[in-house]
N, C-alpha and C. Protein backbone atom coordinates (compact mmCIF):
# COMPACT_ATOMS: atom_id res chain seq x y z
N MET A 1 -15.00 12.11 -9.86
CA MET A 1 -13.01 12.89 -9.81
C MET A 1 -12.60 11.98 -10.24
N TYR A 2 -12.09 11.12 -9.43
CA TYR A 2 -11.65 9.98 -9.50
C TYR A 2 -11.62 9.02 -10.49
N GLU A 3 -11.67 9.39 -12.05
CA GLU A 3 -12.33 8.23 -12.22
C GLU A 3 -12.23 6.63 -13.14
N ASN A 4 -12.63 5.38 -13.06
CA ASN A 4 -11.82 4.38 -13.31
C ASN A 4 -12.02 3.54 -14.47
N THR A 5 -10.30 5.03 -14.75
CA THR A 5 -9.25 4.35 -15.52
C THR A 5 -7.77 4.41 -14.97
N PHE A 6 -7.50 3.80 -15.46
CA PHE A 6 -5.65 3.49 -14.90
C PHE A 6 -4.87 4.90 -14.74
N PRO A 7 -4.19 4.71 -13.61
CA PRO A 7 -4.53 4.40 -12.30
C PRO A 7 -5.89 5.29 -11.22
N ASN A 8 -6.73 5.63 -11.93
CA ASN A 8 -8.44 6.52 -11.41
C ASN A 8 -8.69 6.02 -11.13
N LYS A 9 -8.71 4.41 -10.91
CA LYS A 9 -10.14 3.40 -10.49
C LYS A 9 -9.56 3.03 -9.07
N ARG A 10 -7.27 2.91 -9.17
CA ARG A 10 -6.86 2.58 -7.93
C ARG A 10 -7.09 3.70 -6.85
N PHE A 11 -7.04 4.76 -7.36
CA PHE A 11 -7.46 5.77 -7.00
C PHE A 11 -8.27 5.47 -6.34
N LYS A 12 -9.26 5.88 -6.56
CA LYS A 12 -10.67 6.06 -6.35
C LYS A 12 -11.35 5.18 -5.22
N GLU A 13 -10.86 3.54 -5.02
CA GLU A 13 -11.24 2.59 -4.43
C GLU A 13 -10.49 2.77 -3.13
N THR A 14 -8.78 3.09 -3.14
CA THR A 14 -8.28 3.06 -2.37
C THR A 14 -8.50 5.04 -1.33
N LEU A 15 -8.99 5.59 -1.83
CA LEU A 15 -9.50 6.58 -1.12
C LEU A 15 -10.64 6.42 -0.44
N THR A 16 -11.60 5.48 -1.38
CA THR A 16 -12.82 5.13 -0.34
C THR A 16 -12.39 4.33 0.97
N PHE A 17 -11.65 3.48 0.91
CA PHE A 17 -11.02 2.63 1.99
C PHE A 17 -11.16 3.18 2.51
N LEU A 18 -9.62 3.86 2.35
CA LEU A 18 -8.84 5.31 3.58
C LEU A 18 -10.19 5.58 4.47
N LYS A 19 -10.88 6.51 3.56
CA LYS A 19 -11.70 7.19 4.16
C LYS A 19 -12.72 6.45 4.83
N LYS A 20 -13.11 5.17 4.25
CA LYS A 20 -13.63 5.00 5.81
C LYS A 20 -13.39 3.98 7.32
N HIS A 21 -12.02 3.69 7.00
CA HIS A 21 -10.79 4.13 8.46
C HIS A 21 -10.15 5.15 9.13
N ILE A 22 -10.04 6.51 8.09
CA ILE A 22 -9.59 7.31 8.76
C ILE A 22 -10.44 8.59 8.72
N SER A 23 -9.93 9.37 9.83
CA SER A 23 -10.32 11.12 9.78
C SER A 23 -9.30 11.98 9.91
N THR A 24 -9.80 13.14 8.80
CA THR A 24 -9.42 13.82 8.63
C THR A 24 -8.69 14.13 9.61
N GLN A 25 -9.03 14.42 10.95
CA GLN A 25 -7.87 15.00 11.99
C GLN A 25 -7.01 14.06 12.46
N GLU A 26 -6.56 12.91 11.87
CA GLU A 26 -5.49 12.35 12.15
C GLU A 26 -4.82 12.46 11.32
N THR A 27 -3.04 12.64 11.74
CA THR A 27 -1.93 12.84 10.86
C THR A 27 -1.93 11.65 10.26
N ILE A 28 -0.43 11.66 9.20
CA ILE A 28 -0.59 10.26 8.35
C ILE A 28 0.65 10.16 8.11
N LEU A 29 1.82 9.45 8.06
CA LEU A 29 2.88 9.61 7.77
C LEU A 29 3.10 8.15 6.34
N ASP A 30 2.92 9.31 5.10
CA ASP A 30 3.18 8.03 4.46
C ASP A 30 4.07 7.23 3.35
N LEU A 31 4.67 6.04 3.51
CA LEU A 31 5.41 5.92 3.21
C LEU A 31 5.58 5.82 1.86
N GLY A 32 7.20 6.41 1.60
CA GLY A 32 7.72 6.98 0.02
C GLY A 32 7.39 8.21 -0.32
N VAL A 33 8.03 9.06 -1.16
CA VAL A 33 8.30 9.95 -2.17
C VAL A 33 6.99 11.10 -1.88
N ALA A 34 6.21 12.22 -1.72
CA ALA A 34 5.23 12.65 -2.70
C ALA A 34 5.07 11.82 -3.46
N ASN A 35 3.74 11.87 -4.17
CA ASN A 35 2.95 11.43 -5.01
C ASN A 35 2.24 11.57 -5.49
N PRO A 36 1.49 11.20 -6.40
CA PRO A 36 -0.44 11.88 -6.80
C PRO A 36 -0.77 10.88 -5.47
N PHE A 37 -0.69 10.30 -5.12
CA PHE A 37 -1.74 10.02 -4.43
C PHE A 37 -2.04 11.02 -3.16
N SER A 38 -0.60 11.31 -2.62
CA SER A 38 -0.24 11.35 -1.69
C SER A 38 -0.90 13.74 -1.78
N LYS A 39 -1.06 13.98 -2.96
CA LYS A 39 -1.70 14.87 -3.19
C LYS A 39 -2.84 14.96 -2.98
N ILE A 40 -3.61 14.04 -3.57
CA ILE A 40 -4.65 13.39 -3.37
C ILE A 40 -5.50 13.32 -1.93
N MET A 41 -4.78 12.36 -1.12
CA MET A 41 -4.94 12.82 0.30
C MET A 41 -5.12 13.65 0.76
N SER A 42 -3.92 15.04 0.57
CA SER A 42 -4.06 16.40 0.69
C SER A 42 -4.74 17.14 0.41
N ASP A 43 -5.00 17.15 -0.67
CA ASP A 43 -6.37 17.69 -1.31
C ASP A 43 -8.10 17.12 -0.18
N GLU A 44 -8.21 16.07 -0.12
CA GLU A 44 -9.62 16.08 0.32
C GLU A 44 -8.77 15.51 2.05
N GLY A 45 -8.25 17.05 2.14
CA GLY A 45 -7.96 17.30 4.13
C GLY A 45 -7.78 16.63 5.27
N PHE A 46 -6.51 15.02 4.47
CA PHE A 46 -5.90 14.37 5.00
C PHE A 46 -4.33 15.55 5.22
N HIS A 47 -4.01 15.63 6.32
CA HIS A 47 -2.81 15.65 7.22
C HIS A 47 -1.90 14.51 6.65
N VAL A 48 -1.02 14.98 5.40
CA VAL A 48 0.20 13.99 4.73
C VAL A 48 1.44 14.48 5.64
N GLU A 49 2.69 13.60 5.89
CA GLU A 49 3.68 13.83 5.53
C GLU A 49 4.28 12.71 4.86
N ASN A 50 5.03 12.49 4.45
CA ASN A 50 5.90 11.73 3.42
C ASN A 50 6.88 11.02 3.54
N THR A 51 8.14 10.12 3.83
CA THR A 51 9.38 9.84 4.05
C THR A 51 10.12 10.56 3.29
N GLN A 52 11.17 10.73 3.30
CA GLN A 52 12.07 11.32 1.87
C GLN A 52 12.91 10.72 0.91
N GLY A 53 12.91 9.45 0.67
CA GLY A 53 12.94 8.92 -0.39
C GLY A 53 14.28 7.83 0.11
N GLU A 54 14.47 7.46 1.58
CA GLU A 54 15.36 6.71 2.30
C GLU A 54 15.31 5.38 1.94
N ASP A 55 15.84 4.30 2.04
CA ASP A 55 15.74 3.10 1.67
C ASP A 55 15.49 2.67 3.11
N LEU A 56 13.90 1.88 2.65
CA LEU A 56 13.20 1.46 3.76
C LEU A 56 13.61 0.12 4.40
N ASP A 57 14.36 -0.54 3.58
CA ASP A 57 14.73 -1.80 4.10
C ASP A 57 15.80 -1.48 4.99
N ILE A 58 16.54 -0.35 5.01
CA ILE A 58 17.85 -0.13 6.36
C ILE A 58 17.81 1.45 7.00
N ASP A 59 17.10 2.26 6.61
CA ASP A 59 17.19 3.10 7.00
C ASP A 59 15.57 3.40 7.60
N PHE A 60 15.13 3.56 9.34
CA PHE A 60 14.23 4.13 9.64
C PHE A 60 13.77 5.18 10.63
N SER A 61 14.76 6.60 10.16
CA SER A 61 14.84 7.38 10.94
C SER A 61 13.28 8.23 10.40
N SER A 62 12.95 7.76 9.49
CA SER A 62 11.63 9.37 9.86
C SER A 62 10.51 8.28 10.07
N ILE A 63 10.33 6.84 9.95
CA ILE A 63 9.76 6.66 10.35
C ILE A 63 9.18 6.17 12.14
N LYS A 64 10.55 6.49 12.41
CA LYS A 64 11.37 6.16 14.05
C LYS A 64 11.35 8.18 14.64
N GLY A 65 11.13 9.34 13.50
CA GLY A 65 11.31 10.51 13.88
C GLY A 65 9.42 10.54 13.99
N SER A 66 8.66 10.11 13.04
CA SER A 66 6.98 10.65 13.01
C SER A 66 6.67 10.95 13.71
N GLN A 67 5.78 11.35 14.54
CA GLN A 67 4.46 10.83 15.22
C GLN A 67 3.18 11.08 14.98
N ALA A 68 3.36 10.71 13.58
CA ALA A 68 1.90 10.18 12.69
C ALA A 68 0.83 9.26 13.92
N GLU A 69 -0.51 9.48 13.85
CA GLU A 69 -1.66 8.22 14.38
C GLU A 69 -2.01 7.00 13.80
N VAL A 70 -1.40 7.36 11.92
CA VAL A 70 -2.17 6.47 10.77
C VAL A 70 -0.29 6.34 10.04
N VAL A 71 -0.02 5.16 9.44
CA VAL A 71 0.90 5.11 8.62
C VAL A 71 0.17 4.83 7.35
N THR A 72 0.30 5.40 5.93
CA THR A 72 0.28 4.74 5.17
C THR A 72 0.72 3.76 3.90
N ALA A 73 0.17 2.68 3.61
CA ALA A 73 1.35 2.22 2.56
C ALA A 73 0.95 1.58 1.38
N PHE A 74 0.94 2.73 0.05
CA PHE A 74 -0.12 2.08 -1.10
C PHE A 74 1.63 2.05 -1.81
N GLU A 75 1.53 0.54 -2.46
CA GLU A 75 2.38 -0.33 -3.06
C GLU A 75 3.63 0.10 -2.88
N ILE A 76 3.86 -0.60 -1.78
CA ILE A 76 5.36 -0.13 -0.92
C ILE A 76 5.99 -1.15 -0.58
N PHE A 77 5.60 -1.99 -0.47
CA PHE A 77 5.60 -3.59 0.61
C PHE A 77 6.59 -4.23 -0.27
N GLU A 78 5.67 -4.18 -1.61
CA GLU A 78 6.54 -4.86 -2.78
C GLU A 78 7.60 -4.94 -3.16
N HIS A 79 8.27 -3.97 -3.05
CA HIS A 79 9.39 -3.09 -3.20
C HIS A 79 10.21 -3.84 -2.75
N LEU A 80 10.19 -4.21 -1.12
CA LEU A 80 11.11 -3.52 -0.22
C LEU A 80 11.86 -5.78 0.34
N LEU A 81 13.26 -5.32 0.66
CA LEU A 81 13.60 -6.98 0.41
C LEU A 81 12.94 -7.42 1.71
N ALA A 82 12.73 -6.76 3.59
CA ALA A 82 12.33 -6.93 4.48
C ALA A 82 11.18 -6.34 5.23
N PRO A 83 10.00 -6.18 4.44
CA PRO A 83 9.27 -5.38 5.24
C PRO A 83 8.83 -5.94 6.36
N PHE A 84 9.23 -6.70 6.63
CA PHE A 84 8.65 -7.52 8.61
C PHE A 84 9.54 -6.05 9.40
N ASN A 85 11.01 -5.87 8.67
CA ASN A 85 11.27 -4.87 9.65
C ASN A 85 11.05 -3.73 9.93
N LEU A 86 10.53 -3.16 8.30
CA LEU A 86 9.57 -1.88 8.75
C LEU A 86 9.06 -1.45 9.55
N LEU A 87 7.66 -3.14 9.51
CA LEU A 87 6.59 -3.36 10.16
C LEU A 87 6.77 -2.66 11.68
N ARG A 88 7.66 -4.06 12.02
CA ARG A 88 8.15 -4.05 13.40
C ARG A 88 8.12 -2.50 14.01
N GLU A 89 8.78 -1.27 13.25
CA GLU A 89 9.87 -0.07 13.18
C GLU A 89 8.64 0.38 13.67
N LEU A 90 7.59 0.82 12.98
CA LEU A 90 6.18 1.56 12.77
C LEU A 90 5.63 2.03 14.14
N ASN A 91 6.13 3.74 14.83
CA ASN A 91 5.10 4.15 15.79
C ASN A 91 3.50 4.67 15.65
N ALA A 92 2.98 4.57 14.77
CA ALA A 92 1.77 4.95 14.97
C ALA A 92 0.78 3.80 14.86
N GLN A 93 -0.40 3.73 15.47
CA GLN A 93 -1.26 2.95 15.88
C GLN A 93 -1.95 2.14 14.75
N LYS A 94 -2.23 3.17 13.60
CA LYS A 94 -2.49 2.78 12.68
C LYS A 94 -2.48 2.33 11.89
N LEU A 95 -2.82 1.47 10.34
CA LEU A 95 -1.85 1.11 8.99
C LEU A 95 -2.70 0.85 7.95
N VAL A 96 -2.77 1.25 6.76
CA VAL A 96 -3.41 1.24 5.79
C VAL A 96 -2.95 0.91 4.55
N ALA A 97 -2.50 -0.18 4.09
CA ALA A 97 -1.96 -0.63 2.71
C ALA A 97 -2.18 -1.36 2.23
N SER A 98 -1.47 -1.03 1.19
CA SER A 98 -2.21 -1.84 -0.13
C SER A 98 -1.26 -2.76 -0.73
N ILE A 99 -1.37 -3.10 -1.72
CA ILE A 99 -0.22 -4.27 -2.81
C ILE A 99 -0.59 -4.60 -3.25
N PRO A 100 0.10 -4.95 -4.50
CA PRO A 100 -0.79 -5.47 -5.61
C PRO A 100 -0.32 -7.26 -5.42
N LEU A 101 -1.13 -8.38 -6.26
CA LEU A 101 -1.22 -9.26 -5.38
C LEU A 101 -0.86 -9.72 -7.21
N ARG A 102 -0.19 -11.13 -6.48
CA ARG A 102 0.53 -12.39 -7.56
C ARG A 102 -0.32 -12.96 -8.23
N LEU A 103 0.00 -12.78 -9.67
CA LEU A 103 -0.60 -13.05 -10.33
C LEU A 103 0.14 -14.60 -11.47
N TRP A 104 -0.88 -15.37 -11.05
CA TRP A 104 -0.34 -16.28 -11.54
C TRP A 104 -0.24 -16.48 -13.24
N PHE A 105 -0.58 -15.48 -13.73
CA PHE A 105 -0.51 -15.65 -14.81
C PHE A 105 0.75 -14.69 -15.66
N SER A 106 0.60 -13.98 -14.75
CA SER A 106 1.93 -12.56 -15.53
C SER A 106 3.45 -12.91 -14.22
N PRO A 107 3.88 -11.97 -15.19
CA PRO A 107 5.41 -13.02 -13.79
C PRO A 107 5.70 -11.17 -13.12
N ALA A 108 6.50 -11.57 -11.84
CA ALA A 108 6.58 -10.10 -11.69
C ALA A 108 6.91 -8.79 -11.96
N TYR A 109 6.81 -7.56 -11.58
CA TYR A 109 7.01 -6.51 -12.02
C TYR A 109 8.06 -5.78 -11.95
N ARG A 110 8.95 -5.84 -13.14
CA ARG A 110 10.47 -5.49 -12.73
C ARG A 110 10.40 -4.38 -14.03
N SER A 111 11.11 -3.14 -13.91
CA SER A 111 10.78 -2.08 -14.95
C SER A 111 12.29 -2.36 -15.44
N LYS A 112 12.28 -2.13 -17.34
CA LYS A 112 13.09 -2.35 -18.07
C LYS A 112 14.17 -1.26 -17.84
N SER A 113 13.43 0.10 -17.92
CA SER A 113 14.43 1.71 -17.01
C SER A 113 14.99 2.35 -16.08
N ASP A 114 14.53 1.65 -15.09
CA ASP A 114 14.55 2.21 -13.89
C ASP A 114 14.80 1.39 -12.58
N PRO A 115 16.38 0.66 -12.38
CA PRO A 115 16.58 -0.86 -12.03
C PRO A 115 15.64 -0.44 -10.08
N TRP A 116 15.56 0.59 -9.56
CA TRP A 116 14.96 0.72 -8.15
C TRP A 116 12.76 0.31 -8.39
N ASP A 117 12.93 0.30 -9.50
CA ASP A 117 11.52 -0.02 -10.17
C ASP A 117 11.16 -1.59 -10.03
N ARG A 118 11.53 -1.77 -9.69
CA ARG A 118 10.82 -3.35 -9.61
C ARG A 118 10.15 -3.90 -7.68
N HIS A 119 9.57 -5.37 -7.94
CA HIS A 119 8.92 -5.89 -7.18
C HIS A 119 9.63 -6.97 -7.12
N TYR A 120 9.68 -6.74 -5.47
CA TYR A 120 11.24 -8.58 -4.88
C TYR A 120 9.78 -9.27 -4.60
N HIS A 121 8.28 -8.83 -3.69
CA HIS A 121 7.73 -9.62 -3.35
C HIS A 121 6.72 -9.72 -4.30
N GLU A 122 5.87 -9.85 -4.42
CA GLU A 122 4.31 -10.15 -4.48
C GLU A 122 3.51 -11.17 -4.36
N PHE A 123 2.90 -10.44 -3.29
CA PHE A 123 2.62 -11.32 -2.21
C PHE A 123 0.84 -12.14 -2.60
N GLU A 124 0.48 -13.15 -2.10
CA GLU A 124 -0.51 -13.74 -2.27
C GLU A 124 -1.68 -13.28 -1.05
N ASP A 125 -2.13 -13.16 -1.04
CA ASP A 125 -3.32 -11.69 -0.06
C ASP A 125 -3.37 -12.83 1.38
N TRP A 126 -3.04 -14.24 1.58
CA TRP A 126 -2.59 -14.55 2.89
C TRP A 126 -1.19 -14.49 3.70
N GLN A 127 -0.10 -14.54 2.47
CA GLN A 127 1.03 -14.26 2.90
C GLN A 127 0.94 -12.55 2.85
N PHE A 128 0.46 -11.74 2.74
CA PHE A 128 0.19 -10.26 3.40
C PHE A 128 -0.06 -10.74 4.68
N ASP A 129 -1.09 -11.43 5.18
CA ASP A 129 -2.00 -10.86 6.11
C ASP A 129 -1.13 -11.56 7.14
N TRP A 130 0.18 -12.73 7.02
CA TRP A 130 0.98 -13.03 7.31
C TRP A 130 1.95 -12.24 8.00
N LEU A 131 2.45 -11.64 7.05
CA LEU A 131 3.28 -10.94 7.39
C LEU A 131 3.07 -9.65 8.51
N LEU A 132 1.81 -9.03 8.22
CA LEU A 132 0.80 -8.52 9.04
C LEU A 132 1.23 -8.30 10.51
N GLU A 133 0.08 -10.27 10.40
CA GLU A 133 -0.31 -10.76 12.45
C GLU A 133 1.63 -10.72 12.64
N LYS A 134 2.09 -11.14 11.96
CA LYS A 134 3.96 -12.22 12.47
C LYS A 134 4.47 -10.20 13.08
N SER A 135 4.12 -9.63 12.31
CA SER A 135 4.94 -8.00 12.69
C SER A 135 3.93 -7.64 13.65
N GLY A 136 2.95 -7.91 14.54
CA GLY A 136 2.24 -6.89 15.18
C GLY A 136 1.45 -5.89 15.28
N TRP A 137 0.34 -6.71 13.83
CA TRP A 137 -0.35 -5.86 13.51
C TRP A 137 -1.86 -6.85 13.63
N GLU A 138 -3.09 -6.43 13.58
CA GLU A 138 -4.70 -6.69 13.91
C GLU A 138 -5.10 -6.31 12.43
N ILE A 139 -5.47 -7.08 11.60
CA ILE A 139 -6.03 -6.79 10.33
C ILE A 139 -7.59 -6.65 11.23
N VAL A 140 -8.49 -5.51 10.38
CA VAL A 140 -9.49 -4.93 11.00
C VAL A 140 -10.84 -4.89 10.05
N ASP A 141 -10.15 -4.66 8.44
CA ASP A 141 -10.86 -4.80 7.20
C ASP A 141 -9.76 -5.05 6.02
N ARG A 142 -10.35 -5.45 5.00
CA ARG A 142 -9.79 -5.66 4.26
C ARG A 142 -10.64 -6.01 2.84
N ALA A 143 -9.97 -5.31 1.58
CA ALA A 143 -10.80 -5.15 0.56
C ALA A 143 -9.57 -5.90 -0.62
N LYS A 144 -10.47 -6.06 -2.09
CA LYS A 144 -9.54 -6.99 -3.15
C LYS A 144 -10.54 -5.54 -4.34
N TRP A 145 -9.65 -5.51 -5.64
CA TRP A 145 -10.50 -4.77 -6.45
C TRP A 145 -9.45 -5.68 -7.57
N THR A 146 -10.05 -5.36 -9.03
CA THR A 146 -9.36 -5.88 -10.43
C THR A 146 -9.01 -4.65 -10.94
N ASN A 147 -8.16 -4.85 -11.80
CA ASN A 147 -7.95 -4.13 -12.89
C ASN A 147 -7.34 -4.31 -14.05
N PRO A 148 -8.72 -4.08 -14.68
CA PRO A 148 -9.21 -4.68 -15.91
C PRO A 148 -7.48 -3.30 -17.02
N VAL A 149 -7.62 -4.19 -17.97
CA VAL A 149 -6.75 -3.32 -19.38
C VAL A 149 -7.34 -3.10 -20.52
N LYS A 150 -7.17 -1.93 -20.93
CA LYS A 150 -7.61 -2.12 -22.41
C LYS A 150 -7.03 -3.02 -23.97
N LYS A 151 -6.77 -4.15 -23.35
CA LYS A 151 -6.25 -4.34 -24.72
C LYS A 151 -6.73 -6.23 -24.87
N ILE A 152 -6.61 -6.27 -26.02
CA ILE A 152 -7.16 -7.84 -26.37
C ILE A 152 -6.36 -8.79 -26.04
N GLY A 153 -6.72 -9.99 -24.94
CA GLY A 153 -5.67 -11.49 -25.35
C GLY A 153 -5.92 -12.06 -24.03
N LEU A 154 -5.48 -13.12 -23.74
CA LEU A 154 -6.27 -13.68 -22.78
C LEU A 154 -5.73 -13.20 -21.58
N ARG A 155 -4.71 -12.66 -21.05
CA ARG A 155 -3.83 -11.69 -19.51
C ARG A 155 -4.75 -10.78 -19.82
N PRO A 156 -5.01 -9.95 -20.67
CA PRO A 156 -6.21 -9.12 -19.89
C PRO A 156 -7.44 -9.26 -19.61
N LEU A 157 -8.47 -10.08 -20.75
CA LEU A 157 -9.35 -10.97 -19.88
C LEU A 157 -9.11 -11.39 -18.89
N LEU A 158 -7.80 -12.17 -17.82
CA LEU A 158 -8.08 -12.61 -17.16
C LEU A 158 -8.00 -11.58 -15.79
N ARG A 159 -7.26 -10.52 -16.53
CA ARG A 159 -7.36 -9.52 -15.55
C ARG A 159 -8.63 -8.68 -15.14
N SER A 160 -9.64 -8.91 -16.15
CA SER A 160 -10.81 -8.59 -15.85
C SER A 160 -11.69 -8.69 -15.27
N PHE A 161 -11.64 -10.05 -14.51
CA PHE A 161 -12.26 -10.43 -13.05
C PHE A 161 -11.18 -10.76 -11.82
N THR A 162 -9.67 -10.55 -12.28
CA THR A 162 -8.83 -11.41 -11.76
C THR A 162 -8.26 -10.51 -10.18
N PRO A 163 -8.85 -10.38 -9.08
CA PRO A 163 -8.74 -9.46 -8.13
C PRO A 163 -6.91 -8.66 -8.52
N ARG A 164 -6.64 -7.87 -8.49
CA ARG A 164 -4.80 -7.92 -8.77
C ARG A 164 -4.08 -6.34 -7.49
N TYR A 165 -5.37 -5.83 -6.53
CA TYR A 165 -5.15 -4.95 -5.64
C TYR A 165 -5.74 -5.46 -4.31
N TYR A 166 -5.48 -5.01 -3.20
CA TYR A 166 -5.36 -6.04 -1.43
C TYR A 166 -5.08 -5.26 -0.97
N ILE A 167 -5.90 -3.92 -0.37
CA ILE A 167 -6.22 -3.65 1.02
C ILE A 167 -6.54 -3.79 1.91
N VAL A 168 -5.98 -3.42 2.90
CA VAL A 168 -5.90 -4.32 4.75
C VAL A 168 -5.79 -2.90 5.46
N TYR A 169 -6.91 -2.65 6.76
CA TYR A 169 -6.96 -1.44 7.56
C TYR A 169 -6.64 -2.52 8.59
N ALA A 170 -5.39 -2.06 9.11
CA ALA A 170 -4.91 -2.40 10.61
C ALA A 170 -4.07 -2.05 11.21
N GLU A 171 -4.53 -2.64 12.51
CA GLU A 171 -4.85 -1.50 14.11
C GLU A 171 -3.16 -2.36 14.71
N ARG A 172 -2.43 -2.48 15.69
CA ARG A 172 -1.42 -2.87 16.30
C ARG A 172 -1.86 -2.88 16.99
N LYS A 173 -1.36 -4.81 17.68
CA LYS A 173 -1.76 -6.02 17.99
C LYS A 173 -1.81 -4.72 20.43
N LYS A 174 -2.58 -4.94 20.78
CA LYS A 174 -3.08 -4.37 22.46
C LYS A 174 -1.54 -5.00 22.86
N ASN A 175 -1.11 -5.94 22.92
CA ASN A 175 0.08 -6.19 23.64
C ASN A 175 1.67 -6.25 23.03
N GLN A 176 1.56 -5.09 21.74
CA GLN A 176 2.37 -5.30 21.32
C GLN A 176 3.06 -3.50 21.71
């Protein structure tokens, strides 16, 4: 159904990881506006609501008003200036989040046409783990995968075996 082509490999890996940890009986607040993957989650039986496009560095109204049991954040935190603040404000007890990893052989992503489509952070896995830990989350499981591209050259070759995506399942620390 979700083949190993862009962005379908990412969608397949993300969906497999989500299903491993989250029941379709749990409600999900997906950070970011409705998107192709939030539709996939709904099609797979998950109960999903999305934030409304507000600036999540400043406006926490959607997350504070949500009673969702789970928050999902797929390739969102790299766009925020201060993801720590948002992570501290989440009401949910469970978090499934993925990020693109920082690649030493490629500069941070920045769209040439959309001023909002850029990465302020591109984390290494340990940096993302530390961010989650400091903001009150305990990582229960994690996974990484590559993002090969069908091009010729050194960077495409490196992408075939260097992990590009990192996903975690975390739970709110008990004393938080």
